[in-house]
Amino acid sequence: MAPFTSVAAYAPPGVGMLAVGIVAEVFGVRGAGFPRFDFGLCTERPGSVATDVGVPVAVEHGLERLADADLVIALPWADFRTPPPRAVLDALSAAHARGALVAAHCVGAFALAAAGLLDGRRATTHWRFAGLLADRHPDVDVEAGALYVDEGRIATGAGAAAGFDLCLHLLRREHGAATANAIARDLVLPSHRDGGQAQYLAAPVPADCQDERLSEVLAWTREHLDEPLPVAELARRAMMSKRSFARRFAAATGTTPHAWLLNLRLAGAEELLETTDLPVEEIARRVGFGSAAVLREQFVRRRGVPPRVYRRSFTRIPSDGPGTRRSG
């Protein structure tokens, strides 16, 4: 199936203003070099729709907009404890039945659950309401700690700013890492956050000099992916013991140094596969996997396809011609 190009976000009365801003920023009009999406908000009765902060937003489309969108997103709303009208639930179900990618941000997951779309699936929502979602919909496997959960044609995201994580993930999945990274840079956002909601429940790391050193080490690591980068070396650069470094690293990122570095290397490999014709052996060297065999093994294990298949799906360079080197 081709990557989505039309996006419809359902905005019920009391819709979250932050959520409207997130989807509009990610899928709204940009300049040359960015994909162009046919984006629109929709609601039951087009016109002025109240938001959770009292500022109305003009919504042009009715529920018919959900009937032909490639990506349908249910946005959070203030009265989420009351299920949406049957017409909305039917429209969401119909979108899924015809093959659209259906997603929900924050407590928008309650709309998908009420429509029965999350039954037998994993899902997430804002950590504060994860228990309520699980109690009301016992057939849903609620993952309270996840920033987003991807179940193929159904995806759900956590609360507030995690809407960016969900949207960027869907962009990365459907349009490739280069597109997701470019839009993230345009929005001054990280293209991917490791860890889950738990790391954002309170400020995980106080702003002291050690944390400053940790930030400097993370930045240095990104510039030296082609080197071995053992944890002992990173800890030495941070002027910490290995044990202290691992503990503070987990508090700051929600993951281990090894897992963070592996994800960083895979992301680097993705972008090079999309935007260059470098042989896989050279890409493996540049991102620190050492050999094409190791890169292939990690890529298949964590991305589900070998590098050459990924490159064929998401390449951003001209087709092979005389002198173009490819492997993988």
C-alpha atoms as a PDB file:
ATOM      1  CA  MET A   1       0.000   0.000   0.000  1.00  0.00           C
ATOM      2  CA  ALA A   2       1.276   3.476  -0.904  1.00  0.00           C
ATOM      3  CA  PRO A   3       2.269   5.887   1.902  1.00  0.00           C
ATOM      4  CA  PHE A   4      -0.564   8.086   3.127  1.00  0.00           C
ATOM      5  CA  THR A   5      -1.017  11.483   1.471  1.00  0.00           C
ATOM      6  CA  SER A   6      -4.410  12.600   2.810  1.00  0.00           C
ATOM      7  CA  VAL A   7      -4.905  13.138   6.537  1.00  0.00           C
ATOM      8  CA  ALA A   8      -8.159  13.797   8.387  1.00  0.00           C
ATOM      9  CA  ALA A   9      -8.183  14.618  12.103  1.00  0.00           C
ATOM     10  CA  TYR A  10     -11.483  14.267  13.990  1.00  0.00           C
ATOM     11  CA  ALA A  11     -11.966  17.272  16.278  1.00  0.00           C
ATOM     12  CA  PRO A  12     -14.986  16.869  18.582  1.00  0.00           C
ATOM     13  CA  PRO A  13     -16.372  19.706  20.708  1.00  0.00           C
ATOM     14  CA  GLY A  14     -13.881  20.376  23.509  1.00  0.00           C
ATOM     15  CA  VAL A  15     -10.980  19.147  21.376  1.00  0.00           C
ATOM     16  CA  GLY A  16      -7.510  19.644  22.828  1.00  0.00           C
ATOM     17  CA  MET A  17      -5.965  22.802  21.404  1.00  0.00           C
ATOM     18  CA  LEU A  18      -2.468  21.343  21.753  1.00  0.00           C
ATOM     19  CA  ALA A  19      -3.516  18.270  19.778  1.00  0.00           C
ATOM     20  CA  VAL A  20      -4.924  20.415  16.968  1.00  0.00           C
ATOM     21  CA  GLY A  21      -1.654  22.339  16.857  1.00  0.00           C
ATOM     22  CA  ILE A  22       0.432  19.162  16.746  1.00  0.00           C
ATOM     23  CA  VAL A  23      -1.330  17.551  13.776  1.00  0.00           C
ATOM     24  CA  ALA A  24      -1.545  20.872  11.933  1.00  0.00           C
ATOM     25  CA  GLU A  25       2.187  21.491  12.430  1.00  0.00           C
ATOM     26  CA  VAL A  26       3.240  18.008  11.341  1.00  0.00           C
ATOM     27  CA  PHE A  27       0.902  17.568   8.370  1.00  0.00           C
ATOM     28  CA  GLY A  28       0.337  21.201   7.389  1.00  0.00           C
ATOM     29  CA  VAL A  29       1.758  22.952   4.335  1.00  0.00           C
ATOM     30  CA  ARG A  30       5.540  23.307   4.100  1.00  0.00           C
ATOM     31  CA  GLY A  31       7.907  24.591   1.466  1.00  0.00           C
ATOM     32  CA  ALA A  32       9.808  22.787  -1.251  1.00  0.00           C
ATOM     33  CA  GLY A  33      11.581  19.588  -0.274  1.00  0.00           C
ATOM     34  CA  PHE A  34       8.817  18.376   2.053  1.00  0.00           C
ATOM     35  CA  PRO A  35       5.945  16.016   1.201  1.00  0.00           C
ATOM     36  CA  ARG A  36       2.606  17.753   0.697  1.00  0.00           C
ATOM     37  CA  PHE A  37      -0.341  16.324   2.617  1.00  0.00           C
ATOM     38  CA  ASP A  38      -4.017  16.975   1.977  1.00  0.00           C
ATOM     39  CA  PHE A  39      -4.779  17.790   5.618  1.00  0.00           C
ATOM     40  CA  GLY A  40      -8.096  18.754   7.152  1.00  0.00           C
ATOM     41  CA  LEU A  41      -9.932  18.877  10.461  1.00  0.00           C
ATOM     42  CA  CYS A  42     -13.422  17.409  10.584  1.00  0.00           C
ATOM     43  CA  THR A  43     -16.264  17.248  13.084  1.00  0.00           C
ATOM     44  CA  GLU A  44     -19.940  16.306  13.242  1.00  0.00           C
ATOM     45  CA  ARG A  45     -21.209  19.809  12.499  1.00  0.00           C
ATOM     46  CA  PRO A  46     -18.706  21.959  10.585  1.00  0.00           C
ATOM     47  CA  GLY A  47     -18.206  25.490  11.818  1.00  0.00           C
ATOM     48  CA  SER A  48     -16.862  26.945  15.050  1.00  0.00           C
ATOM     49  CA  VAL A  49     -15.809  24.167  17.444  1.00  0.00           C
ATOM     50  CA  ALA A  50     -14.975  24.856  21.103  1.00  0.00           C
ATOM     51  CA  THR A  51     -11.595  23.715  22.411  1.00  0.00           C
ATOM     52  CA  ASP A  52     -10.475  22.669  25.868  1.00  0.00           C
ATOM     53  CA  VAL A  53      -8.980  26.129  26.475  1.00  0.00           C
ATOM     54  CA  GLY A  54     -12.087  28.041  25.427  1.00  0.00           C
ATOM     55  CA  VAL A  55     -10.674  29.354  22.151  1.00  0.00           C
ATOM     56  CA  PRO A  56     -12.837  28.187  19.228  1.00  0.00           C
ATOM     57  CA  VAL A  57     -11.351  26.699  16.081  1.00  0.00           C
ATOM     58  CA  ALA A  58     -12.941  26.824  12.632  1.00  0.00           C
ATOM     59  CA  VAL A  59     -13.534  23.319  11.265  1.00  0.00           C
ATOM     60  CA  GLU A  60     -14.497  23.177   7.608  1.00  0.00           C
ATOM     61  CA  HIS A  61     -15.317  19.505   7.072  1.00  0.00           C
ATOM     62  CA  GLY A  62     -17.937  17.074   8.328  1.00  0.00           C
ATOM     63  CA  LEU A  63     -17.551  13.354   8.959  1.00  0.00           C
ATOM     64  CA  GLU A  64     -17.511  12.691   5.224  1.00  0.00           C
ATOM     65  CA  ARG A  65     -13.861  13.802   5.317  1.00  0.00           C
ATOM     66  CA  LEU A  66     -13.080  10.540   7.154  1.00  0.00           C
ATOM     67  CA  ALA A  67     -14.442   8.518   4.224  1.00  0.00           C
ATOM     68  CA  ASP A  68     -11.536   9.126   1.850  1.00  0.00           C
ATOM     69  CA  ALA A  69      -8.524   9.955   4.060  1.00  0.00           C
ATOM     70  CA  ASP A  70      -5.513   7.631   4.057  1.00  0.00           C
ATOM     71  CA  LEU A  71      -4.738   8.517   7.681  1.00  0.00           C
ATOM     72  CA  VAL A  72      -7.516   9.201  10.197  1.00  0.00           C
ATOM     73  CA  ILE A  73      -6.583  10.604  13.621  1.00  0.00           C
ATOM     74  CA  ALA A  74      -8.959  10.802  16.591  1.00  0.00           C
ATOM     75  CA  LEU A  75      -7.930  13.805  18.683  1.00  0.00           C
ATOM     76  CA  PRO A  76      -8.437  14.076  22.458  1.00  0.00           C
ATOM     77  CA  TRP A  77     -11.360  16.025  23.867  1.00  0.00           C
ATOM     78  CA  ALA A  78     -12.458  17.297  27.279  1.00  0.00           C
ATOM     79  CA  ASP A  79     -15.538  15.051  27.691  1.00  0.00           C
ATOM     80  CA  PHE A  80     -13.771  11.838  26.654  1.00  0.00           C
ATOM     81  CA  ARG A  81     -15.493   9.858  29.428  1.00  0.00           C
ATOM     82  CA  THR A  82     -18.685  10.079  27.355  1.00  0.00           C
ATOM     83  CA  PRO A  83     -18.413   8.039  24.131  1.00  0.00           C
ATOM     84  CA  PRO A  84     -18.740   9.933  20.842  1.00  0.00           C
ATOM     85  CA  PRO A  85     -22.053   9.732  18.941  1.00  0.00           C
ATOM     86  CA  ARG A  86     -22.763   6.552  16.986  1.00  0.00           C
ATOM     87  CA  ALA A  87     -22.211   8.377  13.676  1.00  0.00           C
ATOM     88  CA  VAL A  88     -18.621   9.116  14.706  1.00  0.00           C
ATOM     89  CA  LEU A  89     -17.944   5.553  15.838  1.00  0.00           C
ATOM     90  CA  ASP A  90     -19.385   4.205  12.592  1.00  0.00           C
ATOM     91  CA  ALA A  91     -17.213   6.600  10.548  1.00  0.00           C
ATOM     92  CA  LEU A  92     -14.072   5.504  12.402  1.00  0.00           C
ATOM     93  CA  SER A  93     -14.968   1.825  11.937  1.00  0.00           C
ATOM     94  CA  ALA A  94     -15.710   2.362   8.249  1.00  0.00           C
ATOM     95  CA  ALA A  95     -12.347   4.087   7.727  1.00  0.00           C
ATOM     96  CA  HIS A  96     -10.556   1.128   9.279  1.00  0.00           C
ATOM     97  CA  ALA A  97     -12.632  -1.399   7.312  1.00  0.00           C
ATOM     98  CA  ARG A  98     -11.701   0.179   3.969  1.00  0.00           C
ATOM     99  CA  GLY A  99      -7.989   0.028   4.839  1.00  0.00           C
ATOM    100  CA  ALA A 100      -7.204   3.493   6.198  1.00  0.00           C
ATOM    101  CA  LEU A 101      -4.550   3.884   8.866  1.00  0.00           C
ATOM    102  CA  VAL A 102      -6.490   4.894  12.005  1.00  0.00           C
ATOM    103  CA  ALA A 103      -4.669   6.536  14.911  1.00  0.00           C
ATOM    104  CA  ALA A 104      -5.523   8.254  18.171  1.00  0.00           C
ATOM    105  CA  HIS A 105      -3.648  10.808  20.228  1.00  0.00           C
ATOM    106  CA  CYS A 106      -3.923  10.849  24.026  1.00  0.00           C
ATOM    107  CA  VAL A 107      -7.509  10.199  25.226  1.00  0.00           C
ATOM    108  CA  GLY A 108      -8.601  10.032  21.601  1.00  0.00           C
ATOM    109  CA  ALA A 109      -7.925   6.324  22.216  1.00  0.00           C
ATOM    110  CA  PHE A 110     -11.247   6.211  24.097  1.00  0.00           C
ATOM    111  CA  ALA A 111     -13.034   6.920  20.789  1.00  0.00           C
ATOM    112  CA  LEU A 112     -11.268   4.030  19.046  1.00  0.00           C
ATOM    113  CA  ALA A 113     -11.998   1.761  22.025  1.00  0.00           C
ATOM    114  CA  ALA A 114     -15.685   2.726  21.980  1.00  0.00           C
ATOM    115  CA  ALA A 115     -15.770   1.841  18.284  1.00  0.00           C
ATOM    116  CA  GLY A 116     -14.343  -1.601  19.107  1.00  0.00           C
ATOM    117  CA  LEU A 117     -11.209  -0.974  17.072  1.00  0.00           C
ATOM    118  CA  LEU A 118      -8.834  -1.662  19.975  1.00  0.00           C
ATOM    119  CA  ASP A 119     -10.354  -4.982  21.074  1.00  0.00           C
ATOM    120  CA  GLY A 120      -7.658  -7.660  21.182  1.00  0.00           C
ATOM    121  CA  ARG A 121      -4.961  -5.078  20.457  1.00  0.00           C
ATOM    122  CA  ARG A 122      -2.290  -3.247  22.387  1.00  0.00           C
ATOM    123  CA  ALA A 123      -2.888   0.469  22.910  1.00  0.00           C
ATOM    124  CA  THR A 124      -1.763   3.413  24.982  1.00  0.00           C
ATOM    125  CA  THR A 125      -3.153   6.743  26.151  1.00  0.00           C
ATOM    126  CA  HIS A 126      -2.186   9.436  28.644  1.00  0.00           C
ATOM    127  CA  TRP A 127      -0.677   7.688  31.675  1.00  0.00           C
ATOM    128  CA  ARG A 128      -3.186   9.402  33.963  1.00  0.00           C
ATOM    129  CA  PHE A 129      -6.124   7.689  32.238  1.00  0.00           C
ATOM    130  CA  ALA A 130      -4.568   4.351  31.295  1.00  0.00           C
ATOM    131  CA  GLY A 131      -6.260   2.601  34.224  1.00  0.00           C
ATOM    132  CA  LEU A 132      -9.634   4.010  33.222  1.00  0.00           C
ATOM    133  CA  LEU A 133      -9.190   2.800  29.653  1.00  0.00           C
ATOM    134  CA  ALA A 134      -8.273  -0.683  30.880  1.00  0.00           C
ATOM    135  CA  ASP A 135     -11.233  -0.811  33.306  1.00  0.00           C
ATOM    136  CA  ARG A 136     -13.759   0.316  30.710  1.00  0.00           C
ATOM    137  CA  HIS A 137     -12.404  -1.813  27.903  1.00  0.00           C
ATOM    138  CA  PRO A 138     -10.982  -5.063  29.350  1.00  0.00           C
ATOM    139  CA  ASP A 139     -10.411  -6.499  25.868  1.00  0.00           C
ATOM    140  CA  VAL A 140      -7.783  -3.833  25.212  1.00  0.00           C
ATOM    141  CA  ASP A 141      -4.189  -4.555  26.235  1.00  0.00           C
ATOM    142  CA  VAL A 142      -3.281  -1.129  27.642  1.00  0.00           C
ATOM    143  CA  GLU A 143       0.439  -0.321  27.734  1.00  0.00           C
ATOM    144  CA  ALA A 144       0.477   2.603  30.150  1.00  0.00           C
ATOM    145  CA  GLY A 145       4.207   3.269  29.807  1.00  0.00           C
ATOM    146  CA  ALA A 146       4.471   3.527  26.015  1.00  0.00           C
ATOM    147  CA  LEU A 147       4.872   6.789  24.098  1.00  0.00           C
ATOM    148  CA  TYR A 148       3.029   5.151  21.197  1.00  0.00           C
ATOM    149  CA  VAL A 149       1.866   1.690  20.162  1.00  0.00           C
ATOM    150  CA  ASP A 150       1.853   0.590  16.516  1.00  0.00           C
ATOM    151  CA  GLU A 151      -0.525  -2.267  15.677  1.00  0.00           C
ATOM    152  CA  GLY A 152      -0.294  -2.010  11.907  1.00  0.00           C
ATOM    153  CA  ARG A 153      -3.435  -0.249  10.658  1.00  0.00           C
ATOM    154  CA  ILE A 154      -4.192   0.976  14.193  1.00  0.00           C
ATOM    155  CA  ALA A 155      -1.836   3.215  16.200  1.00  0.00           C
ATOM    156  CA  THR A 156      -2.251   5.035  19.503  1.00  0.00           C
ATOM    157  CA  GLY A 157      -0.128   7.645  21.233  1.00  0.00           C
ATOM    158  CA  ALA A 158       0.334   8.895  24.756  1.00  0.00           C
ATOM    159  CA  GLY A 159      -0.702  12.282  26.093  1.00  0.00           C
ATOM    160  CA  ALA A 160       0.191  15.887  25.357  1.00  0.00           C
ATOM    161  CA  ALA A 161       3.472  16.357  23.433  1.00  0.00           C
ATOM    162  CA  ALA A 162       3.698  12.601  22.765  1.00  0.00           C
ATOM    163  CA  GLY A 163       1.382  13.385  19.848  1.00  0.00           C
ATOM    164  CA  PHE A 164       4.533  14.522  18.066  1.00  0.00           C
ATOM    165  CA  ASP A 165       6.138  11.131  18.782  1.00  0.00           C
ATOM    166  CA  LEU A 166       3.162   9.311  17.271  1.00  0.00           C
ATOM    167  CA  CYS A 167       2.989  11.503  14.158  1.00  0.00           C
ATOM    168  CA  LEU A 168       6.742  11.354  13.548  1.00  0.00           C
ATOM    169  CA  HIS A 169       6.677   7.576  13.981  1.00  0.00           C
ATOM    170  CA  LEU A 170       3.922   7.248  11.373  1.00  0.00           C
ATOM    171  CA  LEU A 171       5.886   9.517   9.025  1.00  0.00           C
ATOM    172  CA  ARG A 172       9.017   7.442   9.556  1.00  0.00           C
ATOM    173  CA  ARG A 173       7.129   4.207   8.977  1.00  0.00           C
ATOM    174  CA  GLU A 174       5.281   5.326   5.845  1.00  0.00           C
ATOM    175  CA  HIS A 175       7.564   7.948   4.283  1.00  0.00           C
ATOM    176  CA  GLY A 176      11.009   7.012   5.649  1.00  0.00           C
ATOM    177  CA  ALA A 177      13.485   8.328   8.190  1.00  0.00           C
ATOM    178  CA  ALA A 178      14.734  11.192   6.012  1.00  0.00           C
ATOM    179  CA  THR A 179      11.248  12.736   5.777  1.00  0.00           C
ATOM    180  CA  ALA A 180      10.536  12.266   9.488  1.00  0.00           C
ATOM    181  CA  ASN A 181      13.940  13.689  10.412  1.00  0.00           C
ATOM    182  CA  ALA A 182      13.511  16.686   8.107  1.00  0.00           C
ATOM    183  CA  ILE A 183      10.106  17.567   9.550  1.00  0.00           C
ATOM    184  CA  ALA A 184      11.395  17.038  13.093  1.00  0.00           C
ATOM    185  CA  ARG A 185      14.284  19.420  12.388  1.00  0.00           C
ATOM    186  CA  ASP A 186      11.842  21.952  10.951  1.00  0.00           C
ATOM    187  CA  LEU A 187       9.844  21.734  14.186  1.00  0.00           C
ATOM    188  CA  VAL A 188      13.031  21.790  16.331  1.00  0.00           C
ATOM    189  CA  LEU A 189      12.165  18.380  17.776  1.00  0.00           C
ATOM    190  CA  PRO A 190      14.062  15.128  18.256  1.00  0.00           C
ATOM    191  CA  SER A 191      13.020  12.749  15.488  1.00  0.00           C
ATOM    192  CA  HIS A 192      12.770   9.903  17.995  1.00  0.00           C
ATOM    193  CA  ARG A 193      12.631   9.716  21.784  1.00  0.00           C
ATOM    194  CA  ASP A 194      13.770   6.552  23.534  1.00  0.00           C
ATOM    195  CA  GLY A 195      11.992   5.270  26.606  1.00  0.00           C
ATOM    196  CA  GLY A 196       8.362   5.663  27.615  1.00  0.00           C
ATOM    197  CA  GLN A 197       5.950   7.896  29.471  1.00  0.00           C
ATOM    198  CA  ALA A 198       7.469   7.084  32.858  1.00  0.00           C
ATOM    199  CA  GLN A 199      10.518   9.210  32.203  1.00  0.00           C
ATOM    200  CA  TYR A 200       8.310  12.291  31.730  1.00  0.00           C
ATOM    201  CA  LEU A 201       6.217  12.010  34.886  1.00  0.00           C
ATOM    202  CA  ALA A 202       8.684  14.222  36.761  1.00  0.00           C
ATOM    203  CA  ALA A 203      11.934  15.962  35.892  1.00  0.00           C
ATOM    204  CA  PRO A 204      14.234  12.902  35.798  1.00  0.00           C
ATOM    205  CA  VAL A 205      17.577  14.691  36.040  1.00  0.00           C
ATOM    206  CA  PRO A 206      18.374  17.859  38.001  1.00  0.00           C
ATOM    207  CA  ALA A 207      20.258  20.550  36.119  1.00  0.00           C
ATOM    208  CA  ASP A 208      23.682  20.195  37.671  1.00  0.00           C
ATOM    209  CA  CYS A 209      27.182  20.030  36.197  1.00  0.00           C
ATOM    210  CA  GLN A 210      27.185  16.229  35.886  1.00  0.00           C
ATOM    211  CA  ASP A 211      24.088  16.344  33.716  1.00  0.00           C
ATOM    212  CA  GLU A 212      25.726  19.020  31.620  1.00  0.00           C
ATOM    213  CA  ARG A 213      28.631  16.644  31.061  1.00  0.00           C
ATOM    214  CA  LEU A 214      26.210  13.855  30.178  1.00  0.00           C
ATOM    215  CA  SER A 215      24.563  16.057  27.542  1.00  0.00           C
ATOM    216  CA  GLU A 216      27.973  16.882  26.087  1.00  0.00           C
ATOM    217  CA  VAL A 217      28.840  13.186  25.911  1.00  0.00           C
ATOM    218  CA  LEU A 218      25.600  12.374  24.098  1.00  0.00           C
ATOM    219  CA  ALA A 219      26.304  15.107  21.554  1.00  0.00           C
ATOM    220  CA  TRP A 220      29.894  13.879  21.133  1.00  0.00           C
ATOM    221  CA  THR A 221      28.650  10.303  20.626  1.00  0.00           C
ATOM    222  CA  ARG A 222      26.430  11.370  17.729  1.00  0.00           C
ATOM    223  CA  GLU A 223      29.486  12.777  15.976  1.00  0.00           C
ATOM    224  CA  HIS A 224      31.613   9.651  16.496  1.00  0.00           C
ATOM    225  CA  LEU A 225      29.305   6.781  15.534  1.00  0.00           C
ATOM    226  CA  ASP A 226      32.034   5.177  13.433  1.00  0.00           C
ATOM    227  CA  GLU A 227      34.066   4.475  16.581  1.00  0.00           C
ATOM    228  CA  PRO A 228      33.567   1.493  18.959  1.00  0.00           C
ATOM    229  CA  LEU A 229      32.163   3.673  21.814  1.00  0.00           C
ATOM    230  CA  PRO A 230      32.251   1.241  24.758  1.00  0.00           C
ATOM    231  CA  VAL A 231      30.358   2.358  27.871  1.00  0.00           C
ATOM    232  CA  ALA A 232      33.643   2.668  29.742  1.00  0.00           C
ATOM    233  CA  GLU A 233      34.823   5.317  27.260  1.00  0.00           C
ATOM    234  CA  LEU A 234      31.548   7.262  27.485  1.00  0.00           C
ATOM    235  CA  ALA A 235      31.685   7.146  31.278  1.00  0.00           C
ATOM    236  CA  ARG A 236      35.282   8.373  31.217  1.00  0.00           C
ATOM    237  CA  ARG A 237      34.309  11.323  29.034  1.00  0.00           C
ATOM    238  CA  ALA A 238      31.481  12.133  31.443  1.00  0.00           C
ATOM    239  CA  MET A 239      33.959  11.850  34.337  1.00  0.00           C
ATOM    240  CA  MET A 240      31.807   9.228  36.056  1.00  0.00           C
ATOM    241  CA  SER A 241      32.187   5.614  37.045  1.00  0.00           C
ATOM    242  CA  LYS A 242      30.549   3.104  34.700  1.00  0.00           C
ATOM    243  CA  ARG A 243      27.889   2.366  37.310  1.00  0.00           C
ATOM    244  CA  SER A 244      27.056   6.031  37.921  1.00  0.00           C
ATOM    245  CA  PHE A 245      27.043   6.752  34.209  1.00  0.00           C
ATOM    246  CA  ALA A 246      24.625   3.888  33.470  1.00  0.00           C
ATOM    247  CA  ARG A 247      22.319   4.980  36.293  1.00  0.00           C
ATOM    248  CA  ARG A 248      22.266   8.649  35.259  1.00  0.00           C
ATOM    249  CA  PHE A 249      21.979   7.706  31.588  1.00  0.00           C
ATOM    250  CA  ALA A 250      18.862   5.628  32.298  1.00  0.00           C
ATOM    251  CA  ALA A 251      17.362   8.476  34.345  1.00  0.00           C
ATOM    252  CA  ALA A 252      17.960  10.980  31.546  1.00  0.00           C
ATOM    253  CA  THR A 253      16.948   8.859  28.531  1.00  0.00           C
ATOM    254  CA  GLY A 254      14.759   6.059  29.867  1.00  0.00           C
ATOM    255  CA  THR A 255      17.001   3.399  28.346  1.00  0.00           C
ATOM    256  CA  THR A 256      20.473   1.874  28.573  1.00  0.00           C
ATOM    257  CA  PRO A 257      23.579   3.263  26.840  1.00  0.00           C
ATOM    258  CA  HIS A 258      23.733   0.141  24.660  1.00  0.00           C
ATOM    259  CA  ALA A 259      20.088   0.373  23.524  1.00  0.00           C
ATOM    260  CA  TRP A 260      20.352   4.134  22.910  1.00  0.00           C
ATOM    261  CA  LEU A 261      23.500   3.726  20.838  1.00  0.00           C
ATOM    262  CA  LEU A 262      21.993   0.859  18.839  1.00  0.00           C
ATOM    263  CA  ASN A 263      18.919   2.943  17.976  1.00  0.00           C
ATOM    264  CA  LEU A 264      21.147   5.878  17.034  1.00  0.00           C
ATOM    265  CA  ARG A 265      23.181   3.678  14.695  1.00  0.00           C
ATOM    266  CA  LEU A 266      20.086   2.177  13.094  1.00  0.00           C
ATOM    267  CA  ALA A 267      18.605   5.644  12.534  1.00  0.00           C
ATOM    268  CA  GLY A 268      21.863   6.769  10.944  1.00  0.00           C
ATOM    269  CA  ALA A 269      21.879   3.730   8.685  1.00  0.00           C
ATOM    270  CA  GLU A 270      18.281   4.390   7.639  1.00  0.00           C
ATOM    271  CA  GLU A 271      19.041   7.937   6.572  1.00  0.00           C
ATOM    272  CA  LEU A 272      22.154   6.925   4.620  1.00  0.00           C
ATOM    273  CA  LEU A 273      20.217   4.145   2.869  1.00  0.00           C
ATOM    274  CA  GLU A 274      17.544   6.644   1.852  1.00  0.00           C
ATOM    275  CA  THR A 275      19.703   9.560   0.795  1.00  0.00           C
ATOM    276  CA  THR A 276      22.929   8.059  -0.613  1.00  0.00           C
ATOM    277  CA  ASP A 277      24.032   5.270  -2.931  1.00  0.00           C
ATOM    278  CA  LEU A 278      26.807   4.214  -0.560  1.00  0.00           C
ATOM    279  CA  PRO A 279      27.372   0.443  -0.396  1.00  0.00           C
ATOM    280  CA  VAL A 280      25.952  -1.207   2.701  1.00  0.00           C
ATOM    281  CA  GLU A 281      29.507  -2.099   3.800  1.00  0.00           C
ATOM    282  CA  GLU A 282      30.427   1.621   3.874  1.00  0.00           C
ATOM    283  CA  ILE A 283      27.201   2.575   5.645  1.00  0.00           C
ATOM    284  CA  ALA A 284      27.914  -0.079   8.271  1.00  0.00           C
ATOM    285  CA  ARG A 285      31.386   1.401   8.809  1.00  0.00           C
ATOM    286  CA  ARG A 286      30.089   4.986   9.077  1.00  0.00           C
ATOM    287  CA  VAL A 287      27.477   4.202  11.723  1.00  0.00           C
ATOM    288  CA  GLY A 288      29.684   1.860  13.734  1.00  0.00           C
ATOM    289  CA  PHE A 289      28.354  -1.618  12.948  1.00  0.00           C
ATOM    290  CA  GLY A 290      31.721  -2.638  11.550  1.00  0.00           C
ATOM    291  CA  SER A 291      30.510  -4.915   8.762  1.00  0.00           C
ATOM    292  CA  ALA A 292      27.608  -5.256   6.366  1.00  0.00           C
ATOM    293  CA  ALA A 293      26.746  -8.614   7.965  1.00  0.00           C
ATOM    294  CA  VAL A 294      26.278  -7.057  11.412  1.00  0.00           C
ATOM    295  CA  LEU A 295      24.215  -4.204   9.959  1.00  0.00           C
ATOM    296  CA  ARG A 296      21.985  -6.650   8.079  1.00  0.00           C
ATOM    297  CA  GLU A 297      21.483  -8.772  11.203  1.00  0.00           C
ATOM    298  CA  GLN A 298      20.515  -5.779  13.372  1.00  0.00           C
ATOM    299  CA  PHE A 299      18.361  -4.245  10.633  1.00  0.00           C
ATOM    300  CA  VAL A 300      16.357  -7.421  10.049  1.00  0.00           C
ATOM    301  CA  ARG A 301      15.974  -8.048  13.777  1.00  0.00           C
ATOM    302  CA  ARG A 302      14.689  -4.556  14.593  1.00  0.00           C
ATOM    303  CA  ARG A 303      13.209  -3.266  11.304  1.00  0.00           C
ATOM    304  CA  GLY A 304      11.908  -6.546   9.904  1.00  0.00           C
ATOM    305  CA  VAL A 305      13.552  -6.207   6.476  1.00  0.00           C
ATOM    306  CA  PRO A 306      17.149  -6.273   5.154  1.00  0.00           C
ATOM    307  CA  PRO A 307      18.826  -2.952   4.239  1.00  0.00           C
ATOM    308  CA  ARG A 308      18.423  -3.452   0.473  1.00  0.00           C
ATOM    309  CA  VAL A 309      14.637  -3.861   0.824  1.00  0.00           C
ATOM    310  CA  TYR A 310      14.425  -0.775   3.026  1.00  0.00           C
ATOM    311  CA  ARG A 311      16.504   1.185   0.495  1.00  0.00           C
ATOM    312  CA  ARG A 312      14.257   0.127  -2.366  1.00  0.00           C
ATOM    313  CA  SER A 313      11.166   1.281  -0.452  1.00  0.00           C
ATOM    314  CA  PHE A 314      12.452   4.649   0.751  1.00  0.00           C
ATOM    315  CA  THR A 315      15.293   5.698  -1.540  1.00  0.00           C
ATOM    316  CA  ARG A 316      15.528   9.445  -2.209  1.00  0.00           C
ATOM    317  CA  ILE A 317      18.232   9.296  -4.917  1.00  0.00           C
ATOM    318  CA  PRO A 318      17.939   8.589  -8.663  1.00  0.00           C
ATOM    319  CA  SER A 319      17.529   5.014  -9.862  1.00  0.00           C
ATOM    320  CA  ASP A 320      20.650   2.967 -10.460  1.00  0.00           C
ATOM    321  CA  GLY A 321      22.714   4.135 -13.415  1.00  0.00           C
ATOM    322  CA  PRO A 322      26.198   3.591 -14.773  1.00  0.00           C
ATOM    323  CA  GLY A 323      28.752   3.659 -11.986  1.00  0.00           C
ATOM    324  CA  THR A 324      26.195   3.632  -9.174  1.00  0.00           C
ATOM    325  CA  ARG A 325      27.307   1.278  -6.444  1.00  0.00           C
ATOM    326  CA  ARG A 326      24.744  -0.683  -4.521  1.00  0.00           C
ATOM    327  CA  SER A 327      24.921  -3.655  -2.219  1.00  0.00           C
ATOM    328  CA  GLY A 328      22.907  -5.081   0.609  1.00  0.00           C
END
